[in-house]
PDB file of all heavy atoms in Angstrom:
ATOM      1  N   MET A   1     -40.057 251.270 308.789  1.00  0.00           N
ATOM      2  CA  MET A   1     -41.032 250.445 309.505  1.00  0.00           C
ATOM      3  C   MET A   1     -41.675 249.499 308.486  1.00  0.00           C
ATOM      4  O   MET A   1     -41.574 249.740 307.285  1.00  0.00           O
ATOM      5  CB  MET A   1     -42.109 251.318 310.162  1.00  0.00           C
ATOM      6  CG  MET A   1     -42.955 252.102 309.182  1.00  0.00           C
ATOM      7  SD  MET A   1     -44.141 253.236 309.954  1.00  0.00           S
ATOM      8  CE  MET A   1     -43.057 254.438 310.697  1.00  0.00           C
ATOM      9  N   PRO A   2     -42.315 248.434 308.971  1.00  0.00           N
ATOM     10  CA  PRO A   2     -43.002 247.535 308.036  1.00  0.00           C
ATOM     11  C   PRO A   2     -44.062 248.290 307.226  1.00  0.00           C
ATOM     12  O   PRO A   2     -44.671 249.257 307.715  1.00  0.00           O
ATOM     13  CB  PRO A   2     -43.644 246.483 308.946  1.00  0.00           C
ATOM     14  CG  PRO A   2     -42.840 246.524 310.203  1.00  0.00           C
ATOM     15  CD  PRO A   2     -42.403 247.965 310.350  1.00  0.00           C
ATOM     16  N   MET A   3     -44.280 247.862 306.007  1.00  0.00           N
ATOM     17  CA  MET A   3     -45.206 248.537 305.100  1.00  0.00           C
ATOM     18  C   MET A   3     -46.621 248.610 305.682  1.00  0.00           C
ATOM     19  O   MET A   3     -47.291 249.639 305.537  1.00  0.00           O
ATOM     20  CB  MET A   3     -45.214 247.816 303.750  1.00  0.00           C
ATOM     21  CG  MET A   3     -45.894 248.571 302.659  1.00  0.00           C
ATOM     22  SD  MET A   3     -44.935 250.041 302.251  1.00  0.00           S
ATOM     23  CE  MET A   3     -46.146 250.947 301.352  1.00  0.00           C
ATOM     24  N   ASP A   4     -47.083 247.556 306.328  1.00  0.00           N
ATOM     25  CA  ASP A   4     -48.431 247.581 306.921  1.00  0.00           C
ATOM     26  C   ASP A   4     -48.546 248.682 307.967  1.00  0.00           C
ATOM     27  O   ASP A   4     -49.568 249.369 308.047  1.00  0.00           O
ATOM     28  CB  ASP A   4     -48.780 246.230 307.545  1.00  0.00           C
ATOM     29  CG  ASP A   4     -49.018 245.144 306.513  1.00  0.00           C
ATOM     30  OD1 ASP A   4     -49.240 245.480 305.324  1.00  0.00           O
ATOM     31  OD2 ASP A   4     -48.979 243.957 306.890  1.00  0.00           O
ATOM     32  N   GLU A   5     -47.495 248.851 308.772  1.00  0.00           N
ATOM     33  CA  GLU A   5     -47.490 249.912 309.781  1.00  0.00           C
ATOM     34  C   GLU A   5     -47.476 251.285 309.113  1.00  0.00           C
ATOM     35  O   GLU A   5     -48.174 252.210 309.528  1.00  0.00           O
ATOM     36  CB  GLU A   5     -46.282 249.748 310.705  1.00  0.00           C
ATOM     37  CG  GLU A   5     -46.236 250.773 311.820  1.00  0.00           C
ATOM     38  CD  GLU A   5     -45.024 250.599 312.735  1.00  0.00           C
ATOM     39  OE1 GLU A   5     -44.364 249.541 312.693  1.00  0.00           O
ATOM     40  OE2 GLU A   5     -44.739 251.537 313.500  1.00  0.00           O
ATOM     41  N   TRP A   6     -46.661 251.422 308.056  1.00  0.00           N
ATOM     42  CA  TRP A   6     -46.604 252.693 307.315  1.00  0.00           C
ATOM     43  C   TRP A   6     -47.985 253.054 306.796  1.00  0.00           C
ATOM     44  O   TRP A   6     -48.466 254.168 306.977  1.00  0.00           O
ATOM     45  CB  TRP A   6     -45.605 252.592 306.156  1.00  0.00           C
ATOM     46  CG  TRP A   6     -45.668 253.782 305.253  1.00  0.00           C
ATOM     47  CD1 TRP A   6     -46.375 253.913 304.104  1.00  0.00           C
ATOM     48  CD2 TRP A   6     -45.031 255.036 305.456  1.00  0.00           C
ATOM     49  NE1 TRP A   6     -46.219 255.164 303.575  1.00  0.00           N
ATOM     50  CE2 TRP A   6     -45.394 255.876 304.385  1.00  0.00           C
ATOM     51  CE3 TRP A   6     -44.188 255.532 306.433  1.00  0.00           C
ATOM     52  CZ2 TRP A   6     -44.938 257.181 304.267  1.00  0.00           C
ATOM     53  CZ3 TRP A   6     -43.734 256.840 306.307  1.00  0.00           C
ATOM     54  CH2 TRP A   6     -44.113 257.646 305.237  1.00  0.00           C
ATOM     55  N   LYS A   7     -48.638 252.100 306.139  1.00  0.00           N
ATOM     56  CA  LYS A   7     -49.957 252.376 305.566  1.00  0.00           C
ATOM     57  C   LYS A   7     -50.959 252.765 306.650  1.00  0.00           C
ATOM     58  O   LYS A   7     -51.768 253.677 306.457  1.00  0.00           O
ATOM     59  CB  LYS A   7     -50.470 251.159 304.799  1.00  0.00           C
ATOM     60  CG  LYS A   7     -49.791 250.960 303.462  1.00  0.00           C
ATOM     61  CD  LYS A   7     -50.382 249.761 302.738  1.00  0.00           C
ATOM     62  CE  LYS A   7     -49.746 249.579 301.384  1.00  0.00           C
ATOM     63  NZ  LYS A   7     -50.346 248.453 300.654  1.00  0.00           N
ATOM     64  N   ALA A   8     -50.913 252.082 307.786  1.00  0.00           N
ATOM     65  CA  ALA A   8     -51.875 252.332 308.855  1.00  0.00           C
ATOM     66  C   ALA A   8     -51.648 253.660 309.565  1.00  0.00           C
ATOM     67  O   ALA A   8     -52.608 254.306 310.001  1.00  0.00           O
ATOM     68  CB  ALA A   8     -51.838 251.189 309.866  1.00  0.00           C
ATOM     69  N   THR A   9     -50.388 254.089 309.664  1.00  0.00           N
ATOM     70  CA  THR A   9     -50.086 255.276 310.467  1.00  0.00           C
ATOM     71  C   THR A   9     -49.682 256.509 309.665  1.00  0.00           C
ATOM     72  O   THR A   9     -49.691 257.612 310.216  1.00  0.00           O
ATOM     73  CB  THR A   9     -48.953 254.974 311.478  1.00  0.00           C
ATOM     74  OG1 THR A   9     -47.753 254.638 310.761  1.00  0.00           O
ATOM     75  CG2 THR A   9     -49.339 253.836 312.410  1.00  0.00           C
ATOM     76  N   ARG A  10     -49.319 256.340 308.414  1.00  0.00           N
ATOM     77  CA  ARG A  10     -48.770 257.462 307.651  1.00  0.00           C
ATOM     78  C   ARG A  10     -49.492 257.754 306.328  1.00  0.00           C
ATOM     79  O   ARG A  10     -49.513 258.881 305.881  1.00  0.00           O
ATOM     80  CB  ARG A  10     -47.294 257.219 307.305  1.00  0.00           C
ATOM     81  CG  ARG A  10     -46.385 256.903 308.480  1.00  0.00           C
ATOM     82  CD  ARG A  10     -46.097 258.161 309.279  1.00  0.00           C
ATOM     83  NE  ARG A  10     -44.955 258.017 310.160  1.00  0.00           N
ATOM     84  CZ  ARG A  10     -45.032 257.629 311.432  1.00  0.00           C
ATOM     85  NH1 ARG A  10     -46.192 257.301 311.944  1.00  0.00           N
ATOM     86  NH2 ARG A  10     -43.942 257.562 312.181  1.00  0.00           N
ATOM     87  N   GLN A  11     -50.036 256.739 305.708  1.00  0.00           N
ATOM     88  CA  GLN A  11     -50.586 256.911 304.359  1.00  0.00           C
ATOM     89  C   GLN A  11     -52.034 257.370 304.416  1.00  0.00           C
ATOM     90  O   GLN A  11     -52.832 256.838 305.182  1.00  0.00           O
ATOM     91  CB  GLN A  11     -50.486 255.585 303.592  1.00  0.00           C
ATOM     92  CG  GLN A  11     -50.884 255.688 302.137  1.00  0.00           C
ATOM     93  CD  GLN A  11     -50.531 254.422 301.391  1.00  0.00           C
ATOM     94  OE1 GLN A  11     -49.404 253.964 301.446  1.00  0.00           O
ATOM     95  NE2 GLN A  11     -51.495 253.860 300.707  1.00  0.00           N
ATOM     96  N   THR A  12     -52.338 258.355 303.590  1.00  0.00           N
ATOM     97  CA  THR A  12     -53.716 258.830 303.476  1.00  0.00           C
ATOM     98  C   THR A  12     -54.267 258.389 302.124  1.00  0.00           C
ATOM     99  O   THR A  12     -53.501 258.121 301.188  1.00  0.00           O
ATOM    100  CB  THR A  12     -53.775 260.365 303.591  1.00  0.00           C
ATOM    101  OG1 THR A  12     -52.977 260.947 302.554  1.00  0.00           O
ATOM    102  CG2 THR A  12     -53.276 260.836 304.950  1.00  0.00           C
ATOM    103  N   PRO A  13     -55.587 258.306 302.000  1.00  0.00           N
ATOM    104  CA  PRO A  13     -56.173 257.907 300.715  1.00  0.00           C
ATOM    105  C   PRO A  13     -55.826 258.909 299.614  1.00  0.00           C
ATOM    106  O   PRO A  13     -55.804 260.121 299.850  1.00  0.00           O
ATOM    107  CB  PRO A  13     -57.679 257.888 300.987  1.00  0.00           C
ATOM    108  CG  PRO A  13     -57.809 257.785 302.476  1.00  0.00           C
ATOM    109  CD  PRO A  13     -56.616 258.482 303.039  1.00  0.00           C
ATOM    110  N   ALA A  14     -55.559 258.401 298.427  1.00  0.00           N
ATOM    111  CA  ALA A  14     -55.243 259.260 297.285  1.00  0.00           C
ATOM    112  C   ALA A  14     -56.527 259.802 296.674  1.00  0.00           C
ATOM    113  O   ALA A  14     -57.531 259.100 296.580  1.00  0.00           O
ATOM    114  CB  ALA A  14     -54.466 258.469 296.240  1.00  0.00           C
ATOM    115  N   THR A  15     -56.452 261.056 296.254  1.00  0.00           N
ATOM    116  CA  THR A  15     -57.587 261.671 295.562  1.00  0.00           C
ATOM    117  C   THR A  15     -57.458 261.395 294.067  1.00  0.00           C
ATOM    118  O   THR A  15     -56.387 261.021 293.571  1.00  0.00           O
ATOM    119  CB  THR A  15     -57.613 263.188 295.795  1.00  0.00           C
ATOM    120  OG1 THR A  15     -56.457 263.768 295.169  1.00  0.00           O
ATOM    121  CG2 THR A  15     -57.640 263.528 297.286  1.00  0.00           C
ATOM    122  N   GLU A  16     -58.530 261.621 293.353  1.00  0.00           N
ATOM    123  CA  GLU A  16     -58.494 261.472 291.889  1.00  0.00           C
ATOM    124  C   GLU A  16     -57.481 262.441 291.273  1.00  0.00           C
ATOM    125  O   GLU A  16     -56.774 262.093 290.328  1.00  0.00           O
ATOM    126  CB  GLU A  16     -59.891 261.683 291.291  1.00  0.00           C
ATOM    127  CG  GLU A  16     -60.858 260.570 291.598  1.00  0.00           C
ATOM    128  CD  GLU A  16     -60.393 259.206 291.079  1.00  0.00           C
ATOM    129  OE1 GLU A  16     -59.870 259.132 289.952  1.00  0.00           O
ATOM    130  OE2 GLU A  16     -60.559 258.225 291.826  1.00  0.00           O
ATOM    131  N   GLU A  17     -57.391 263.637 291.829  1.00  0.00           N
ATOM    132  CA  GLU A  17     -56.431 264.635 291.332  1.00  0.00           C
ATOM    133  C   GLU A  17     -54.992 264.150 291.537  1.00  0.00           C
ATOM    134  O   GLU A  17     -54.150 264.279 290.643  1.00  0.00           O
ATOM    135  CB  GLU A  17     -56.652 265.960 292.045  1.00  0.00           C
ATOM    136  CG  GLU A  17     -55.739 267.076 291.568  1.00  0.00           C
ATOM    137  CD  GLU A  17     -55.994 268.370 292.321  1.00  0.00           C
ATOM    138  OE1 GLU A  17     -57.163 268.714 292.548  1.00  0.00           O
ATOM    139  OE2 GLU A  17     -54.996 269.024 292.676  1.00  0.00           O
ATOM    140  N   GLN A  18     -54.697 263.590 292.703  1.00  0.00           N
ATOM    141  CA  GLN A  18     -53.358 263.067 292.967  1.00  0.00           C
ATOM    142  C   GLN A  18     -53.025 261.919 292.016  1.00  0.00           C
ATOM    143  O   GLN A  18     -51.905 261.839 291.499  1.00  0.00           O
ATOM    144  CB  GLN A  18     -53.249 262.583 294.416  1.00  0.00           C
ATOM    145  CG  GLN A  18     -53.199 263.689 295.434  1.00  0.00           C
ATOM    146  CD  GLN A  18     -53.299 263.151 296.851  1.00  0.00           C
ATOM    147  OE1 GLN A  18     -54.156 262.323 297.154  1.00  0.00           O
ATOM    148  NE2 GLN A  18     -52.421 263.635 297.714  1.00  0.00           N
ATOM    149  N   LEU A  19     -53.975 261.047 291.801  1.00  0.00           N
ATOM    150  CA  LEU A  19     -53.756 259.914 290.891  1.00  0.00           C
ATOM    151  C   LEU A  19     -53.495 260.392 289.465  1.00  0.00           C
ATOM    152  O   LEU A  19     -52.627 259.854 288.773  1.00  0.00           O
ATOM    153  CB  LEU A  19     -54.955 258.962 290.936  1.00  0.00           C
ATOM    154  CG  LEU A  19     -55.130 258.194 292.244  1.00  0.00           C
ATOM    155  CD1 LEU A  19     -56.492 257.502 292.277  1.00  0.00           C
ATOM    156  CD2 LEU A  19     -54.006 257.194 292.435  1.00  0.00           C
ATOM    157  N   ALA A  20     -54.228 261.412 289.035  1.00  0.00           N
ATOM    158  CA  ALA A  20     -54.027 261.954 287.690  1.00  0.00           C
ATOM    159  C   ALA A  20     -52.646 262.588 287.556  1.00  0.00           C
ATOM    160  O   ALA A  20     -51.959 262.402 286.542  1.00  0.00           O
ATOM    161  CB  ALA A  20     -55.119 262.971 287.366  1.00  0.00           C
ATOM    162  N   ARG A  21     -52.220 263.366 288.590  1.00  0.00           N
ATOM    163  CA  ARG A  21     -50.879 263.966 288.561  1.00  0.00           C
ATOM    164  C   ARG A  21     -49.802 262.897 288.524  1.00  0.00           C
ATOM    165  O   ARG A  21     -48.808 263.015 287.811  1.00  0.00           O
ATOM    166  CB  ARG A  21     -50.679 264.864 289.786  1.00  0.00           C
ATOM    167  CG  ARG A  21     -51.075 266.290 289.573  1.00  0.00           C
ATOM    168  CD  ARG A  21     -50.524 267.219 290.636  1.00  0.00           C
ATOM    169  NE  ARG A  21     -50.674 266.750 291.988  1.00  0.00           N
ATOM    170  CZ  ARG A  21     -51.680 267.065 292.794  1.00  0.00           C
ATOM    171  NH1 ARG A  21     -52.626 267.861 292.383  1.00  0.00           N
ATOM    172  NH2 ARG A  21     -51.727 266.585 294.022  1.00  0.00           N
ATOM    173  N   MET A  22     -50.000 261.828 289.315  1.00  0.00           N
ATOM    174  CA  MET A  22     -49.027 260.738 289.338  1.00  0.00           C
ATOM    175  C   MET A  22     -48.923 260.085 287.954  1.00  0.00           C
ATOM    176  O   MET A  22     -47.824 259.866 287.449  1.00  0.00           O
ATOM    177  CB  MET A  22     -49.408 259.679 290.365  1.00  0.00           C
ATOM    178  CG  MET A  22     -48.436 258.513 290.397  1.00  0.00           C
ATOM    179  SD  MET A  22     -48.976 257.132 291.425  1.00  0.00           S
ATOM    180  CE  MET A  22     -50.240 256.425 290.401  1.00  0.00           C
ATOM    181  N   LYS A  23     -50.057 259.822 287.328  1.00  0.00           N
ATOM    182  CA  LYS A  23     -50.053 259.180 286.013  1.00  0.00           C
ATOM    183  C   LYS A  23     -49.304 260.044 284.992  1.00  0.00           C
ATOM    184  O   LYS A  23     -48.472 259.536 284.233  1.00  0.00           O
ATOM    185  CB  LYS A  23     -51.488 258.925 285.552  1.00  0.00           C
ATOM    186  CG  LYS A  23     -51.594 258.198 284.241  1.00  0.00           C
ATOM    187  CD  LYS A  23     -53.038 257.919 283.868  1.00  0.00           C
ATOM    188  CE  LYS A  23     -53.101 257.203 282.538  1.00  0.00           C
ATOM    189  NZ  LYS A  23     -54.485 256.947 282.118  1.00  0.00           N
ATOM    190  N   ALA A  24     -49.576 261.338 284.994  1.00  0.00           N
ATOM    191  CA  ALA A  24     -48.894 262.247 284.062  1.00  0.00           C
ATOM    192  C   ALA A  24     -47.398 262.324 284.365  1.00  0.00           C
ATOM    193  O   ALA A  24     -46.570 262.343 283.447  1.00  0.00           O
ATOM    194  CB  ALA A  24     -49.528 263.631 284.122  1.00  0.00           C
ATOM    195  N   SER A  25     -47.049 262.344 285.629  1.00  0.00           N
ATOM    196  CA  SER A  25     -45.645 262.443 286.020  1.00  0.00           C
ATOM    197  C   SER A  25     -44.876 261.173 285.662  1.00  0.00           C
ATOM    198  O   SER A  25     -43.766 261.241 285.119  1.00  0.00           O
ATOM    199  CB  SER A  25     -45.544 262.715 287.523  1.00  0.00           C
ATOM    200  OG  SER A  25     -44.204 262.799 287.930  1.00  0.00           O
TER     201      SER A  25
END
């Protein structure tokens, strides 16, 4: 689906913990 639709219907806000794990990964 278009990215705007994905963000609106599927994506949730990232937490600080998720962002830290992503950076390390």
